Amino acid sequence: MPNTLATIKDKLDGRIGEELLVVAQIGRKKITKRRGRLHMTYPAVFVVDLDQDENSFERVSYSYTDILTRNIEVNFDDDDVEEFDED
């Protein structure tokens, strides 16, 4: 079953408060990795509270479209496999 924005949001709704790693494409051959905790989900975006030891700012938000288009990967600490891949 292909992913939709609604299914991605539903999956994240059940994981609020959990630790995660967000790997984002920031350029042609550059990526950034940010570790934090899923803070809240909204109709179009979700918010991650970042670890203050590793980052200079407190929060960052991403859209569900970023996951759908694979501009970012979201990996929860207790998962071995990317949760949003289509099988």
N, C-alpha and C. Protein backbone atom coordinates (compact mmCIF):
# COMPACT_ATOMS: atom_id res chain seq x y z
N MET A 1 0.84 -1.18 0.00
CA MET A 1 0.00 0.00 0.00
C MET A 1 0.89 1.24 0.00
N PRO A 2 0.71 2.15 -0.93
CA PRO A 2 1.55 3.35 -0.96
C PRO A 2 1.25 4.28 0.21
N ASN A 3 2.28 5.01 0.60
CA ASN A 3 2.12 5.98 1.68
C ASN A 3 1.36 7.20 1.19
N THR A 4 0.58 7.76 2.07
CA THR A 4 -0.07 9.03 1.81
C THR A 4 0.28 9.97 2.96
N LEU A 5 0.01 11.24 2.80
CA LEU A 5 0.28 12.18 3.87
C LEU A 5 -0.49 11.82 5.14
N ALA A 6 -1.72 11.34 4.98
CA ALA A 6 -2.54 10.97 6.13
C ALA A 6 -1.96 9.77 6.88
N THR A 7 -1.46 8.77 6.17
CA THR A 7 -0.88 7.61 6.85
C THR A 7 0.43 7.97 7.54
N ILE A 8 1.21 8.85 6.93
CA ILE A 8 2.45 9.30 7.57
C ILE A 8 2.12 10.05 8.86
N LYS A 9 1.14 10.94 8.82
CA LYS A 9 0.74 11.69 10.01
C LYS A 9 0.23 10.75 11.09
N ASP A 10 -0.59 9.76 10.71
CA ASP A 10 -1.12 8.79 11.68
C ASP A 10 0.00 8.02 12.36
N LYS A 11 1.01 7.62 11.60
CA LYS A 11 2.14 6.89 12.19
C LYS A 11 2.89 7.77 13.17
N LEU A 12 3.08 9.03 12.83
CA LEU A 12 3.79 9.94 13.73
C LEU A 12 2.96 10.29 14.96
N ASP A 13 1.63 10.37 14.80
CA ASP A 13 0.75 10.66 15.95
C ASP A 13 0.95 9.66 17.08
N GLY A 14 1.19 8.42 16.72
CA GLY A 14 1.38 7.38 17.73
C GLY A 14 2.76 7.35 18.33
N ARG A 15 3.67 8.19 17.87
CA ARG A 15 5.05 8.17 18.34
C ARG A 15 5.46 9.46 19.04
N ILE A 16 4.50 10.32 19.37
CA ILE A 16 4.82 11.59 20.03
C ILE A 16 5.53 11.32 21.35
N GLY A 17 6.61 12.05 21.56
CA GLY A 17 7.40 11.91 22.78
C GLY A 17 8.57 10.95 22.65
N GLU A 18 8.69 10.26 21.53
CA GLU A 18 9.77 9.29 21.35
C GLU A 18 11.00 9.94 20.73
N GLU A 19 12.17 9.36 21.05
CA GLU A 19 13.44 9.82 20.50
C GLU A 19 13.55 9.41 19.04
N LEU A 20 14.15 10.29 18.22
CA LEU A 20 14.30 9.98 16.80
C LEU A 20 15.54 10.65 16.22
N LEU A 21 15.88 10.21 15.01
CA LEU A 21 16.96 10.80 14.24
C LEU A 21 16.38 11.22 12.90
N VAL A 22 16.59 12.48 12.52
CA VAL A 22 16.12 13.00 11.25
C VAL A 22 17.34 13.24 10.37
N VAL A 23 17.37 12.59 9.21
CA VAL A 23 18.44 12.77 8.24
C VAL A 23 17.85 13.56 7.08
N ALA A 24 18.37 14.76 6.85
CA ALA A 24 17.80 15.66 5.85
C ALA A 24 18.81 15.99 4.76
N GLN A 25 18.32 16.07 3.53
CA GLN A 25 19.13 16.52 2.39
C GLN A 25 19.19 18.04 2.46
N ILE A 26 20.40 18.62 2.52
CA ILE A 26 20.51 20.08 2.57
C ILE A 26 21.21 20.65 1.35
N GLY A 27 21.64 19.81 0.50
CA GLY A 27 22.32 20.27 -0.70
C GLY A 27 22.53 19.13 -1.65
N ARG A 28 23.31 19.41 -2.66
CA ARG A 28 23.52 18.42 -3.70
C ARG A 28 24.10 17.12 -3.17
N LYS A 29 25.11 17.21 -2.36
CA LYS A 29 25.73 16.01 -1.79
C LYS A 29 25.90 16.13 -0.28
N LYS A 30 25.07 16.96 0.33
CA LYS A 30 25.21 17.21 1.76
C LYS A 30 23.96 16.75 2.49
N ILE A 31 24.18 16.17 3.66
CA ILE A 31 23.08 15.78 4.52
C ILE A 31 23.36 16.30 5.93
N THR A 32 22.31 16.44 6.70
CA THR A 32 22.45 16.81 8.10
C THR A 32 21.67 15.80 8.94
N LYS A 33 22.24 15.44 10.07
CA LYS A 33 21.58 14.52 10.99
C LYS A 33 21.28 15.27 12.27
N ARG A 34 20.03 15.17 12.68
CA ARG A 34 19.60 15.84 13.91
C ARG A 34 18.87 14.84 14.79
N ARG A 35 19.29 14.79 16.04
CA ARG A 35 18.68 13.90 17.01
C ARG A 35 17.79 14.72 17.93
N GLY A 36 16.63 14.16 18.26
CA GLY A 36 15.72 14.86 19.15
C GLY A 36 14.55 14.01 19.54
N ARG A 37 13.47 14.67 19.94
CA ARG A 37 12.26 14.01 20.42
C ARG A 37 11.07 14.60 19.65
N LEU A 38 10.20 13.72 19.15
CA LEU A 38 9.00 14.19 18.44
C LEU A 38 8.11 14.92 19.43
N HIS A 39 7.92 16.20 19.18
CA HIS A 39 7.19 17.05 20.13
C HIS A 39 5.69 17.08 19.84
N MET A 40 5.31 17.36 18.58
CA MET A 40 3.90 17.53 18.27
C MET A 40 3.68 17.35 16.78
N THR A 41 2.47 16.91 16.43
CA THR A 41 2.09 16.85 15.02
C THR A 41 0.94 17.82 14.78
N TYR A 42 0.97 18.45 13.64
CA TYR A 42 -0.07 19.38 13.21
C TYR A 42 -0.58 18.93 11.85
N PRO A 43 -1.62 19.54 11.31
CA PRO A 43 -2.18 19.08 10.04
C PRO A 43 -1.19 19.03 8.88
N ALA A 44 -0.22 19.94 8.83
CA ALA A 44 0.70 19.96 7.69
C ALA A 44 2.16 19.71 8.06
N VAL A 45 2.52 19.85 9.35
CA VAL A 45 3.91 19.71 9.78
C VAL A 45 4.00 18.95 11.10
N PHE A 46 5.22 18.50 11.41
CA PHE A 46 5.50 17.95 12.74
C PHE A 46 6.72 18.66 13.30
N VAL A 47 6.80 18.73 14.63
CA VAL A 47 7.84 19.50 15.31
C VAL A 47 8.71 18.54 16.11
N VAL A 48 10.03 18.76 16.01
CA VAL A 48 11.01 17.96 16.74
C VAL A 48 11.76 18.87 17.69
N ASP A 49 11.78 18.51 19.00
CA ASP A 49 12.62 19.19 19.98
C ASP A 49 14.01 18.61 19.86
N LEU A 50 15.01 19.43 19.55
CA LEU A 50 16.36 18.96 19.31
C LEU A 50 17.15 18.85 20.59
N ASP A 51 18.14 17.94 20.59
CA ASP A 51 19.07 17.83 21.70
C ASP A 51 19.91 19.09 21.76
N GLN A 52 19.93 19.76 22.88
CA GLN A 52 20.66 21.01 23.02
C GLN A 52 22.17 20.81 23.03
N ASP A 53 22.64 19.60 23.35
CA ASP A 53 24.07 19.32 23.34
C ASP A 53 24.64 19.33 21.92
N GLU A 54 23.83 18.95 20.94
CA GLU A 54 24.29 18.81 19.56
C GLU A 54 23.87 19.96 18.66
N ASN A 55 22.87 20.73 19.01
CA ASN A 55 22.31 21.75 18.12
C ASN A 55 22.26 23.11 18.79
N SER A 56 22.33 24.15 17.97
CA SER A 56 22.32 25.51 18.51
C SER A 56 20.92 26.08 18.63
N PHE A 57 19.92 25.42 18.06
CA PHE A 57 18.55 25.89 18.20
C PHE A 57 17.68 24.81 18.81
N GLU A 58 16.54 25.23 19.31
CA GLU A 58 15.71 24.39 20.16
C GLU A 58 14.79 23.43 19.41
N ARG A 59 14.11 23.93 18.36
CA ARG A 59 13.12 23.13 17.66
C ARG A 59 13.28 23.29 16.16
N VAL A 60 12.79 22.27 15.44
CA VAL A 60 12.74 22.34 13.99
C VAL A 60 11.46 21.66 13.54
N SER A 61 10.88 22.15 12.44
CA SER A 61 9.66 21.53 11.94
C SER A 61 9.90 21.04 10.52
N TYR A 62 9.19 19.98 10.17
CA TYR A 62 9.25 19.38 8.84
C TYR A 62 7.82 19.11 8.38
N SER A 63 7.64 19.06 7.08
CA SER A 63 6.31 18.72 6.55
C SER A 63 6.26 17.22 6.27
N TYR A 64 5.07 16.68 6.24
CA TYR A 64 4.89 15.27 5.91
C TYR A 64 5.29 15.01 4.47
N THR A 65 5.22 16.03 3.62
CA THR A 65 5.64 15.91 2.23
C THR A 65 7.13 15.62 2.15
N ASP A 66 7.92 16.13 3.09
CA ASP A 66 9.36 15.85 3.10
C ASP A 66 9.62 14.35 3.24
N ILE A 67 8.83 13.67 4.03
CA ILE A 67 8.97 12.22 4.19
C ILE A 67 8.50 11.52 2.93
N LEU A 68 7.36 11.94 2.40
CA LEU A 68 6.79 11.31 1.22
C LEU A 68 7.72 11.42 0.02
N THR A 69 8.37 12.56 -0.16
CA THR A 69 9.27 12.77 -1.29
C THR A 69 10.70 12.33 -0.98
N ARG A 70 10.91 11.80 0.20
CA ARG A 70 12.21 11.29 0.65
C ARG A 70 13.29 12.36 0.73
N ASN A 71 12.89 13.58 1.02
CA ASN A 71 13.86 14.64 1.31
C ASN A 71 14.43 14.48 2.70
N ILE A 72 13.67 13.83 3.59
CA ILE A 72 14.17 13.49 4.92
C ILE A 72 13.84 12.04 5.22
N GLU A 73 14.61 11.47 6.13
CA GLU A 73 14.33 10.14 6.68
C GLU A 73 14.13 10.32 8.17
N VAL A 74 13.14 9.63 8.71
CA VAL A 74 12.87 9.68 10.15
C VAL A 74 13.06 8.28 10.69
N ASN A 75 14.01 8.14 11.63
CA ASN A 75 14.28 6.85 12.24
C ASN A 75 14.13 6.97 13.74
N PHE A 76 13.25 6.16 14.30
CA PHE A 76 13.06 6.15 15.75
C PHE A 76 14.10 5.23 16.36
N ASP A 77 14.51 5.54 17.60
CA ASP A 77 15.59 4.80 18.25
C ASP A 77 15.29 3.31 18.41
N ASP A 78 14.03 2.94 18.57
CA ASP A 78 13.69 1.54 18.79
C ASP A 78 13.43 0.77 17.49
N ASP A 79 13.57 1.42 16.33
CA ASP A 79 13.34 0.77 15.04
C ASP A 79 14.66 0.45 14.36
N ASP A 80 14.72 -0.71 13.72
CA ASP A 80 15.89 -1.08 12.93
C ASP A 80 15.69 -0.70 11.47
N VAL A 81 14.44 -0.54 11.05
CA VAL A 81 14.10 -0.32 9.65
C VAL A 81 13.35 1.00 9.52
N GLU A 82 13.58 1.69 8.41
CA GLU A 82 12.84 2.92 8.11
C GLU A 82 11.36 2.63 8.12
N GLU A 83 10.59 3.32 8.93
CA GLU A 83 9.18 3.04 9.14
C GLU A 83 8.31 3.43 7.95
N PHE A 84 8.73 4.36 7.14
CA PHE A 84 7.86 4.90 6.11
C PHE A 84 8.13 4.33 4.73
N ASP A 85 9.04 3.35 4.62
CA ASP A 85 9.28 2.74 3.31
C ASP A 85 8.11 1.91 2.87
N GLU A 86 7.89 1.89 1.55
CA GLU A 86 6.86 1.04 0.98
C GLU A 86 7.43 -0.35 0.81
N ASP A 87 6.65 -1.36 1.14
CA ASP A 87 7.11 -2.74 0.97
C ASP A 87 6.42 -3.40 -0.20
